[in-house]
């Protein structure tokens, strides 16, 4: 198997203050993470999702700024005449 970023594990050392360690321990104690390492991994996954959402938001804003359709597959639905709600 060829090494890629997804399957290579790198150990890093970080210094955390007491409140940061307490936050990790709370995640473990409350059953949301199996260990401190798992809590850190979950935090990184959350960060990566936030990065993807920001990237998507930038892309959508740029499309809107250009006047391009954000979801061209749905354009026909939006154009359809709808009866008045009054």
Protein backbone atom coordinates (compact mmCIF):
# COMPACT_ATOMS: atom_id res chain seq x y z
CA UNK A 1 0.00 0.00 0.00
CA UNK A 2 1.34 3.39 -0.95
CA UNK A 3 1.55 5.91 1.90
CA UNK A 4 -0.91 8.80 1.74
CA UNK A 5 -1.91 11.47 4.21
CA UNK A 6 -4.97 9.42 5.16
CA UNK A 7 -3.07 6.31 6.28
CA UNK A 8 0.08 7.76 7.84
CA UNK A 9 -0.08 8.46 11.55
CA UNK A 10 2.03 11.25 12.98
CA UNK A 11 2.45 11.72 16.69
CA UNK A 12 2.58 15.33 17.84
CA UNK A 13 3.25 16.84 21.23
CA UNK A 14 1.24 19.83 22.42
CA UNK A 15 0.98 21.74 25.67
CA UNK A 16 -2.51 22.33 27.02
CA UNK A 17 -3.55 24.44 29.97
CA UNK A 18 -5.71 23.02 32.73
CA UNK A 19 -9.00 24.20 31.27
CA UNK A 20 -8.20 22.62 27.91
CA UNK A 21 -7.35 19.28 29.54
CA UNK A 22 -10.52 19.57 31.64
CA UNK A 23 -12.54 20.07 28.44
CA UNK A 24 -11.05 16.90 26.95
CA UNK A 25 -11.67 14.99 30.17
CA UNK A 26 -15.29 16.20 30.25
CA UNK A 27 -15.84 14.82 26.74
CA UNK A 28 -14.51 11.46 27.90
CA UNK A 29 -16.42 11.48 31.21
CA UNK A 30 -19.68 12.32 29.46
CA UNK A 31 -19.18 9.51 26.93
CA UNK A 32 -18.78 11.69 23.84
CA UNK A 33 -15.20 10.49 23.34
CA UNK A 34 -13.45 7.25 24.21
CA UNK A 35 -10.21 8.95 25.26
CA UNK A 36 -8.43 12.28 25.22
CA UNK A 37 -6.96 11.34 21.86
CA UNK A 38 -10.42 10.56 20.54
CA UNK A 39 -11.67 13.93 21.83
CA UNK A 40 -8.83 15.68 19.99
CA UNK A 41 -9.62 13.73 16.80
CA UNK A 42 -13.28 14.69 17.11
CA UNK A 43 -12.28 18.31 17.55
CA UNK A 44 -10.15 18.14 14.43
CA UNK A 45 -13.04 16.54 12.51
CA UNK A 46 -15.25 19.43 13.65
CA UNK A 47 -12.61 21.91 12.46
CA UNK A 48 -12.35 20.19 9.08
CA UNK A 49 -16.16 20.32 8.63
CA UNK A 50 -16.13 24.02 9.48
CA UNK A 51 -13.38 24.57 6.90
CA UNK A 52 -15.39 22.75 4.23
CA UNK A 53 -18.51 24.78 5.07
CA UNK A 54 -16.53 28.03 4.82
CA UNK A 55 -15.10 26.97 1.47
CA UNK A 56 -18.60 26.10 0.23
CA UNK A 57 -19.95 29.42 1.47
CA UNK A 58 -17.23 31.31 -0.41
CA UNK A 59 -18.07 29.36 -3.56
CA UNK A 60 -21.81 30.03 -3.21
CA UNK A 61 -21.30 33.74 -2.55
CA UNK A 62 -19.06 34.00 -5.61
CA UNK A 63 -21.69 32.30 -7.79
CA UNK A 64 -24.38 34.63 -6.47
CA UNK A 65 -22.14 37.65 -7.03
CA UNK A 66 -21.66 36.59 -10.65
CA UNK A 67 -25.41 36.08 -11.03
CA UNK A 68 -24.92 32.39 -11.72
CA UNK A 69 -27.32 29.76 -10.52
CA UNK A 70 -26.21 28.11 -7.32
CA UNK A 71 -28.18 24.93 -7.96
CA UNK A 72 -28.89 24.76 -11.71
CA UNK A 73 -30.67 21.42 -11.34
CA UNK A 74 -33.37 23.16 -9.28
CA UNK A 75 -33.90 26.18 -11.53
CA UNK A 76 -36.99 24.68 -13.19
CA UNK A 77 -38.63 24.21 -9.81
CA UNK A 78 -38.09 27.85 -8.91
CA UNK A 79 -39.48 29.16 -12.22
CA UNK A 80 -42.77 27.25 -11.96
CA UNK A 81 -45.81 29.43 -11.26
CA UNK A 82 -47.30 28.80 -7.87
CA UNK A 83 -50.80 29.67 -6.72
CA UNK A 84 -51.17 32.64 -4.42
CA UNK A 85 -51.40 31.87 -0.72
CA UNK A 86 -53.98 34.64 -0.16
